């Protein structure tokens, strides 16, 4: 895990004689990195990697893992504004359910859920449209057969009720379609931030 100059996660201090001052730079960077995370214990590394001890090996490992954590935290900081703006835009669009949060939009199955919402709205619209067509046909037949005014009035009310449902169901379909589009856009805009956040959370378990 030893590196040349600044600590970099994934870099390995190569075998063989170190260049003059290289080990000292590595040790200084390790001290600085640990100090940033409030690690105050004093330690002295052994330049000879063939003579390790458990304490300094653990300290070097800790420094290595902190470097990885810092990289994820740096990505999150760089993308924080974009992340916040994307969330605000989604909230302002009024397509979220009361229980939905930044985190819940990333749960497994959210895409399937949104697809199901749209599919159900389409089915509902098809059903209501069919009901309107049926009511229109029945009314037309009743008018042709000379049905009473009272009977025709009842059929007209049924047709009017069916037509009013079309407007409601159409709005539901439009909402489901818009919701799916906007949340998918939110996922695309914030995926890098979310990945870094997940990586940082997993990395913190090692610290």
C-alpha atoms as a PDB file:
ATOM      1  CA  UNK A   1       0.000   0.000   0.000  1.00  0.00           C
ATOM      2  CA  UNK A   2       3.004   2.312   0.183  1.00  0.00           C
ATOM      3  CA  UNK A   3       2.991   4.964  -2.496  1.00  0.00           C
ATOM      4  CA  UNK A   4       5.352   7.446  -4.035  1.00  0.00           C
ATOM      5  CA  UNK A   5       4.693  11.034  -2.900  1.00  0.00           C
ATOM      6  CA  UNK A   6       0.994  11.564  -2.148  1.00  0.00           C
ATOM      7  CA  UNK A   7      -1.056   8.591  -1.052  1.00  0.00           C
ATOM      8  CA  UNK A   8      -3.207   7.200  -3.822  1.00  0.00           C
ATOM      9  CA  UNK A   9      -5.643   4.352  -3.298  1.00  0.00           C
ATOM     10  CA  UNK A  10      -4.684   1.386  -5.412  1.00  0.00           C
ATOM     11  CA  UNK A  11      -1.059   2.386  -5.851  1.00  0.00           C
ATOM     12  CA  UNK A  12       1.580   0.032  -4.494  1.00  0.00           C
ATOM     13  CA  UNK A  13       5.010   0.929  -3.194  1.00  0.00           C
ATOM     14  CA  UNK A  14       7.242  -1.058  -5.590  1.00  0.00           C
ATOM     15  CA  UNK A  15       9.857  -3.497  -4.324  1.00  0.00           C
ATOM     16  CA  UNK A  16      13.511  -2.602  -4.408  1.00  0.00           C
ATOM     17  CA  UNK A  17      15.534   0.324  -3.062  1.00  0.00           C
ATOM     18  CA  UNK A  18      13.517   3.501  -2.587  1.00  0.00           C
ATOM     19  CA  UNK A  19      14.642   6.777  -4.106  1.00  0.00           C
ATOM     20  CA  UNK A  20      16.136   9.184  -1.612  1.00  0.00           C
ATOM     21  CA  UNK A  21      13.400  10.995   0.295  1.00  0.00           C
ATOM     22  CA  UNK A  22      10.643   8.894  -1.211  1.00  0.00           C
ATOM     23  CA  UNK A  23       9.814   7.023   1.973  1.00  0.00           C
ATOM     24  CA  UNK A  24       9.897  10.222   4.035  1.00  0.00           C
ATOM     25  CA  UNK A  25       7.396  11.850   1.680  1.00  0.00           C
ATOM     26  CA  UNK A  26       5.168   8.806   1.901  1.00  0.00           C
ATOM     27  CA  UNK A  27       5.269   8.859   5.697  1.00  0.00           C
ATOM     28  CA  UNK A  28       4.495  12.597   5.844  1.00  0.00           C
ATOM     29  CA  UNK A  29       1.497  12.151   3.572  1.00  0.00           C
ATOM     30  CA  UNK A  30       0.264   9.264   5.692  1.00  0.00           C
ATOM     31  CA  UNK A  31       0.510  11.403   8.848  1.00  0.00           C
ATOM     32  CA  UNK A  32      -1.329  14.292   7.163  1.00  0.00           C
ATOM     33  CA  UNK A  33      -4.052  12.061   5.807  1.00  0.00           C
ATOM     34  CA  UNK A  34      -4.714  10.386   9.151  1.00  0.00           C
ATOM     35  CA  UNK A  35      -4.619  13.723  10.974  1.00  0.00           C
ATOM     36  CA  UNK A  36      -7.410  15.016   8.730  1.00  0.00           C
ATOM     37  CA  UNK A  37      -9.519  12.197  10.125  1.00  0.00           C
ATOM     38  CA  UNK A  38      -8.554  12.942  13.740  1.00  0.00           C
ATOM     39  CA  UNK A  39      -6.178  10.017  14.084  1.00  0.00           C
ATOM     40  CA  UNK A  40      -3.751  11.408  16.676  1.00  0.00           C
ATOM     41  CA  UNK A  41      -1.691   8.399  17.670  1.00  0.00           C
ATOM     42  CA  UNK A  42       2.036   8.806  17.024  1.00  0.00           C
ATOM     43  CA  UNK A  43       3.813   6.174  14.984  1.00  0.00           C
ATOM     44  CA  UNK A  44       7.013   5.539  13.077  1.00  0.00           C
ATOM     45  CA  UNK A  45       7.045   3.328  10.001  1.00  0.00           C
ATOM     46  CA  UNK A  46       9.824   0.915   9.206  1.00  0.00           C
ATOM     47  CA  UNK A  47      11.219   1.609   5.757  1.00  0.00           C
ATOM     48  CA  UNK A  48      12.137  -2.055   5.387  1.00  0.00           C
ATOM     49  CA  UNK A  49       8.912  -3.723   4.244  1.00  0.00           C
ATOM     50  CA  UNK A  50      10.391  -7.127   5.047  1.00  0.00           C
ATOM     51  CA  UNK A  51      10.191  -6.244   8.739  1.00  0.00           C
ATOM     52  CA  UNK A  52       6.556  -5.257   9.299  1.00  0.00           C
ATOM     53  CA  UNK A  53       4.752  -5.098  12.621  1.00  0.00           C
ATOM     54  CA  UNK A  54       1.026  -5.433  13.200  1.00  0.00           C
ATOM     55  CA  UNK A  55       0.429  -1.890  14.462  1.00  0.00           C
ATOM     56  CA  UNK A  56       2.079   0.012  11.624  1.00  0.00           C
ATOM     57  CA  UNK A  57       0.660  -2.394   9.067  1.00  0.00           C
ATOM     58  CA  UNK A  58      -2.801  -1.624  10.417  1.00  0.00           C
ATOM     59  CA  UNK A  59      -2.064   2.119  10.412  1.00  0.00           C
ATOM     60  CA  UNK A  60      -0.936   2.002   6.794  1.00  0.00           C
ATOM     61  CA  UNK A  61      -4.038   0.027   5.900  1.00  0.00           C
ATOM     62  CA  UNK A  62      -6.202   2.624   7.650  1.00  0.00           C
ATOM     63  CA  UNK A  63      -4.521   5.424   5.728  1.00  0.00           C
ATOM     64  CA  UNK A  64      -5.040   3.561   2.476  1.00  0.00           C
ATOM     65  CA  UNK A  65      -8.757   3.115   3.154  1.00  0.00           C
ATOM     66  CA  UNK A  66      -9.143   6.771   4.147  1.00  0.00           C
ATOM     67  CA  UNK A  67      -7.687   7.793   0.795  1.00  0.00           C
ATOM     68  CA  UNK A  68     -10.376   5.775  -0.975  1.00  0.00           C
ATOM     69  CA  UNK A  69     -13.065   7.293   1.264  1.00  0.00           C
ATOM     70  CA  UNK A  70     -11.768  10.814   0.585  1.00  0.00           C
ATOM     71  CA  UNK A  71     -11.964  10.221  -3.152  1.00  0.00           C
ATOM     72  CA  UNK A  72     -15.650   9.332  -2.920  1.00  0.00           C
ATOM     73  CA  UNK A  73     -16.306  12.280  -0.601  1.00  0.00           C
ATOM     74  CA  UNK A  74     -14.578  14.589  -3.086  1.00  0.00           C
ATOM     75  CA  UNK A  75     -16.849  13.385  -5.885  1.00  0.00           C
ATOM     76  CA  UNK A  76     -19.901  13.953  -3.690  1.00  0.00           C
ATOM     77  CA  UNK A  77     -18.779  17.482  -2.841  1.00  0.00           C
ATOM     78  CA  UNK A  78     -18.191  18.300  -6.513  1.00  0.00           C
ATOM     79  CA  UNK A  79     -21.639  17.007  -7.503  1.00  0.00           C
ATOM     80  CA  UNK A  80     -23.591  18.229  -4.451  1.00  0.00           C
ATOM     81  CA  UNK A  81     -25.002  21.353  -6.117  1.00  0.00           C
ATOM     82  CA  UNK A  82     -26.134  19.411  -9.184  1.00  0.00           C
ATOM     83  CA  UNK A  83     -27.684  16.780  -6.913  1.00  0.00           C
ATOM     84  CA  UNK A  84     -29.606  19.366  -4.870  1.00  0.00           C
ATOM     85  CA  UNK A  85     -30.823  21.213  -7.964  1.00  0.00           C
ATOM     86  CA  UNK A  86     -32.048  17.984  -9.581  1.00  0.00           C
ATOM     87  CA  UNK A  87     -34.010  17.100  -6.443  1.00  0.00           C
ATOM     88  CA  UNK A  88     -35.561  20.585  -6.198  1.00  0.00           C
ATOM     89  CA  UNK A  89     -36.623  20.414  -9.841  1.00  0.00           C
ATOM     90  CA  UNK A  90     -38.289  17.069  -9.210  1.00  0.00           C
ATOM     91  CA  UNK A  91     -40.092  18.309  -6.087  1.00  0.00           C
ATOM     92  CA  UNK A  92     -41.313  21.422  -7.912  1.00  0.00           C
ATOM     93  CA  UNK A  93     -42.694  19.231 -10.710  1.00  0.00           C
ATOM     94  CA  UNK A  94     -45.173  17.743  -8.189  1.00  0.00           C
ATOM     95  CA  UNK A  95     -44.878  14.181  -9.465  1.00  0.00           C
ATOM     96  CA  UNK A  96     -43.702  12.656  -6.185  1.00  0.00           C
ATOM     97  CA  UNK A  97     -45.851  10.756  -3.726  1.00  0.00           C
ATOM     98  CA  UNK A  98     -45.948  12.049  -0.110  1.00  0.00           C
ATOM     99  CA  UNK A  99     -43.814   9.191   1.199  1.00  0.00           C
ATOM    100  CA  UNK A 100     -41.117   9.433  -1.479  1.00  0.00           C
ATOM    101  CA  UNK A 101     -37.667  10.775  -0.606  1.00  0.00           C
ATOM    102  CA  UNK A 102     -34.264  11.142  -2.261  1.00  0.00           C
ATOM    103  CA  UNK A 103     -33.345   7.705  -0.987  1.00  0.00           C
ATOM    104  CA  UNK A 104     -36.599   5.898  -1.707  1.00  0.00           C
ATOM    105  CA  UNK A 105     -36.395   6.816  -5.393  1.00  0.00           C
ATOM    106  CA  UNK A 106     -33.378   4.528  -5.620  1.00  0.00           C
ATOM    107  CA  UNK A 107     -34.946   1.424  -4.099  1.00  0.00           C
ATOM    108  CA  UNK A 108     -34.934  -1.725  -6.181  1.00  0.00           C
ATOM    109  CA  UNK A 109     -38.077  -1.980  -8.278  1.00  0.00           C
ATOM    110  CA  UNK A 110     -38.901   1.728  -8.629  1.00  0.00           C
ATOM    111  CA  UNK A 111     -38.664   1.519 -12.430  1.00  0.00           C
ATOM    112  CA  UNK A 112     -40.961  -1.498 -12.512  1.00  0.00           C
ATOM    113  CA  UNK A 113     -43.377   0.356 -10.241  1.00  0.00           C
ATOM    114  CA  UNK A 114     -43.508   3.397 -12.535  1.00  0.00           C
ATOM    115  CA  UNK A 115     -43.973   1.191 -15.596  1.00  0.00           C
ATOM    116  CA  UNK A 116     -46.855  -0.563 -13.820  1.00  0.00           C
ATOM    117  CA  UNK A 117     -48.461   2.783 -12.915  1.00  0.00           C
ATOM    118  CA  UNK A 118     -48.432   3.863 -16.549  1.00  0.00           C
ATOM    119  CA  UNK A 119     -49.661   0.475 -17.757  1.00  0.00           C
ATOM    120  CA  UNK A 120     -52.591   0.546 -15.315  1.00  0.00           C
ATOM    121  CA  UNK A 121     -53.503   4.081 -16.408  1.00  0.00           C
ATOM    122  CA  UNK A 122     -53.511   2.982 -20.055  1.00  0.00           C
ATOM    123  CA  UNK A 123     -55.770   0.024 -19.224  1.00  0.00           C
ATOM    124  CA  UNK A 124     -58.118   2.300 -17.275  1.00  0.00           C
ATOM    125  CA  UNK A 125     -58.349   4.722 -20.198  1.00  0.00           C
ATOM    126  CA  UNK A 126     -59.074   1.881 -22.620  1.00  0.00           C
ATOM    127  CA  UNK A 127     -61.804   0.581 -20.294  1.00  0.00           C
ATOM    128  CA  UNK A 128     -63.465   3.977 -19.876  1.00  0.00           C
ATOM    129  CA  UNK A 129     -63.248   4.692 -23.606  1.00  0.00           C
ATOM    130  CA  UNK A 130     -64.940   1.370 -24.290  1.00  0.00           C
ATOM    131  CA  UNK A 131     -67.667   2.233 -21.771  1.00  0.00           C
ATOM    132  CA  UNK A 132     -68.311   5.568 -23.504  1.00  0.00           C
ATOM    133  CA  UNK A 133     -68.562   3.904 -26.900  1.00  0.00           C
ATOM    134  CA  UNK A 134     -70.975   1.338 -25.489  1.00  0.00           C
ATOM    135  CA  UNK A 135     -73.112   4.034 -23.837  1.00  0.00           C
ATOM    136  CA  UNK A 136     -73.230   6.023 -27.090  1.00  0.00           C
ATOM    137  CA  UNK A 137     -74.349   2.944 -29.012  1.00  0.00           C
ATOM    138  CA  UNK A 138     -77.087   2.130 -26.487  1.00  0.00           C
ATOM    139  CA  UNK A 139     -78.344   5.732 -26.519  1.00  0.00           C
ATOM    140  CA  UNK A 140     -78.407   5.815 -30.313  1.00  0.00           C
ATOM    141  CA  UNK A 141     -80.376   2.566 -30.453  1.00  0.00           C
ATOM    142  CA  UNK A 142     -82.797   3.867 -27.816  1.00  0.00           C
ATOM    143  CA  UNK A 143     -83.380   7.051 -29.792  1.00  0.00           C
ATOM    144  CA  UNK A 144     -84.030   5.043 -32.946  1.00  0.00           C
ATOM    145  CA  UNK A 145     -86.510   2.767 -31.194  1.00  0.00           C
ATOM    146  CA  UNK A 146     -88.556   5.677 -29.850  1.00  0.00           C
ATOM    147  CA  UNK A 147     -87.808   5.093 -26.159  1.00  0.00           C
ATOM    148  CA  UNK A 148     -89.495   7.384 -23.620  1.00  0.00           C
ATOM    149  CA  UNK A 149     -88.001  10.717 -22.615  1.00  0.00           C
ATOM    150  CA  UNK A 150     -87.361   9.401 -19.111  1.00  0.00           C
ATOM    151  CA  UNK A 151     -85.481   6.398 -20.444  1.00  0.00           C
ATOM    152  CA  UNK A 152     -83.426   8.533 -22.824  1.00  0.00           C
ATOM    153  CA  UNK A 153     -82.615  10.960 -20.007  1.00  0.00           C
ATOM    154  CA  UNK A 154     -81.202   8.133 -17.891  1.00  0.00           C
ATOM    155  CA  UNK A 155     -79.070   6.888 -20.777  1.00  0.00           C
ATOM    156  CA  UNK A 156     -77.773  10.400 -21.424  1.00  0.00           C
ATOM    157  CA  UNK A 157     -76.761  10.735 -17.775  1.00  0.00           C
ATOM    158  CA  UNK A 158     -74.876   7.427 -17.972  1.00  0.00           C
ATOM    159  CA  UNK A 159     -73.079   8.633 -21.088  1.00  0.00           C
ATOM    160  CA  UNK A 160     -72.198  11.936 -19.440  1.00  0.00           C
ATOM    161  CA  UNK A 161     -70.810  10.119 -16.385  1.00  0.00           C
ATOM    162  CA  UNK A 162     -68.701   7.838 -18.582  1.00  0.00           C
ATOM    163  CA  UNK A 163     -67.317  10.816 -20.517  1.00  0.00           C
ATOM    164  CA  UNK A 164     -66.388  12.624 -17.304  1.00  0.00           C
ATOM    165  CA  UNK A 165     -64.308   9.611 -16.285  1.00  0.00           C
ATOM    166  CA  UNK A 166     -62.289   9.877 -19.500  1.00  0.00           C
ATOM    167  CA  UNK A 167     -60.980  13.291 -18.469  1.00  0.00           C
ATOM    168  CA  UNK A 168     -59.988  12.010 -15.028  1.00  0.00           C
ATOM    169  CA  UNK A 169     -58.284   8.871 -16.327  1.00  0.00           C
ATOM    170  CA  UNK A 170     -56.509  10.844 -19.063  1.00  0.00           C
ATOM    171  CA  UNK A 171     -55.031  13.149 -16.421  1.00  0.00           C
ATOM    172  CA  UNK A 172     -53.867  10.113 -14.450  1.00  0.00           C
ATOM    173  CA  UNK A 173     -52.140   8.706 -17.538  1.00  0.00           C
ATOM    174  CA  UNK A 174     -50.492  12.043 -18.291  1.00  0.00           C
ATOM    175  CA  UNK A 175     -49.295  12.256 -14.689  1.00  0.00           C
ATOM    176  CA  UNK A 176     -47.905   8.702 -14.743  1.00  0.00           C
ATOM    177  CA  UNK A 177     -46.093   9.332 -18.032  1.00  0.00           C
ATOM    178  CA  UNK A 178     -44.645  12.636 -16.851  1.00  0.00           C
ATOM    179  CA  UNK A 179     -43.681  11.162 -13.490  1.00  0.00           C
ATOM    180  CA  UNK A 180     -41.829   8.281 -15.129  1.00  0.00           C
ATOM    181  CA  UNK A 181     -39.979  10.608 -17.492  1.00  0.00           C
ATOM    182  CA  UNK A 182     -38.936  13.084 -14.785  1.00  0.00           C
ATOM    183  CA  UNK A 183     -37.818  10.477 -12.255  1.00  0.00           C
ATOM    184  CA  UNK A 184     -35.813   8.687 -14.951  1.00  0.00           C
ATOM    185  CA  UNK A 185     -34.198  12.034 -15.757  1.00  0.00           C
ATOM    186  CA  UNK A 186     -33.445  12.555 -12.068  1.00  0.00           C
ATOM    187  CA  UNK A 187     -31.743   9.159 -11.955  1.00  0.00           C
ATOM    188  CA  UNK A 188     -29.569  10.068 -14.932  1.00  0.00           C
ATOM    189  CA  UNK A 189     -28.592  13.439 -13.445  1.00  0.00           C
ATOM    190  CA  UNK A 190     -27.725  12.121  -9.993  1.00  0.00           C
ATOM    191  CA  UNK A 191     -26.390   8.620 -10.668  1.00  0.00           C
ATOM    192  CA  UNK A 192     -22.714   9.601 -10.259  1.00  0.00           C
ATOM    193  CA  UNK A 193     -23.455  11.289  -6.928  1.00  0.00           C
ATOM    194  CA  UNK A 194     -25.489   8.320  -5.706  1.00  0.00           C
ATOM    195  CA  UNK A 195     -22.777   5.846  -6.717  1.00  0.00           C
ATOM    196  CA  UNK A 196     -20.156   7.888  -4.850  1.00  0.00           C
ATOM    197  CA  UNK A 197     -22.451   8.086  -1.818  1.00  0.00           C
ATOM    198  CA  UNK A 198     -22.947   4.319  -1.822  1.00  0.00           C
ATOM    199  CA  UNK A 199     -19.210   3.741  -2.224  1.00  0.00           C
ATOM    200  CA  UNK A 200     -18.460   6.124   0.650  1.00  0.00           C
ATOM    201  CA  UNK A 201     -20.973   4.337   2.877  1.00  0.00           C
ATOM    202  CA  UNK A 202     -19.448   0.951   2.107  1.00  0.00           C
ATOM    203  CA  UNK A 203     -15.957   2.353   2.591  1.00  0.00           C
ATOM    204  CA  UNK A 204     -16.846   3.804   5.996  1.00  0.00           C
ATOM    205  CA  UNK A 205     -17.540   0.268   7.228  1.00  0.00           C
ATOM    206  CA  UNK A 206     -13.833  -0.459   6.809  1.00  0.00           C
ATOM    207  CA  UNK A 207     -12.763   2.557   8.858  1.00  0.00           C
END
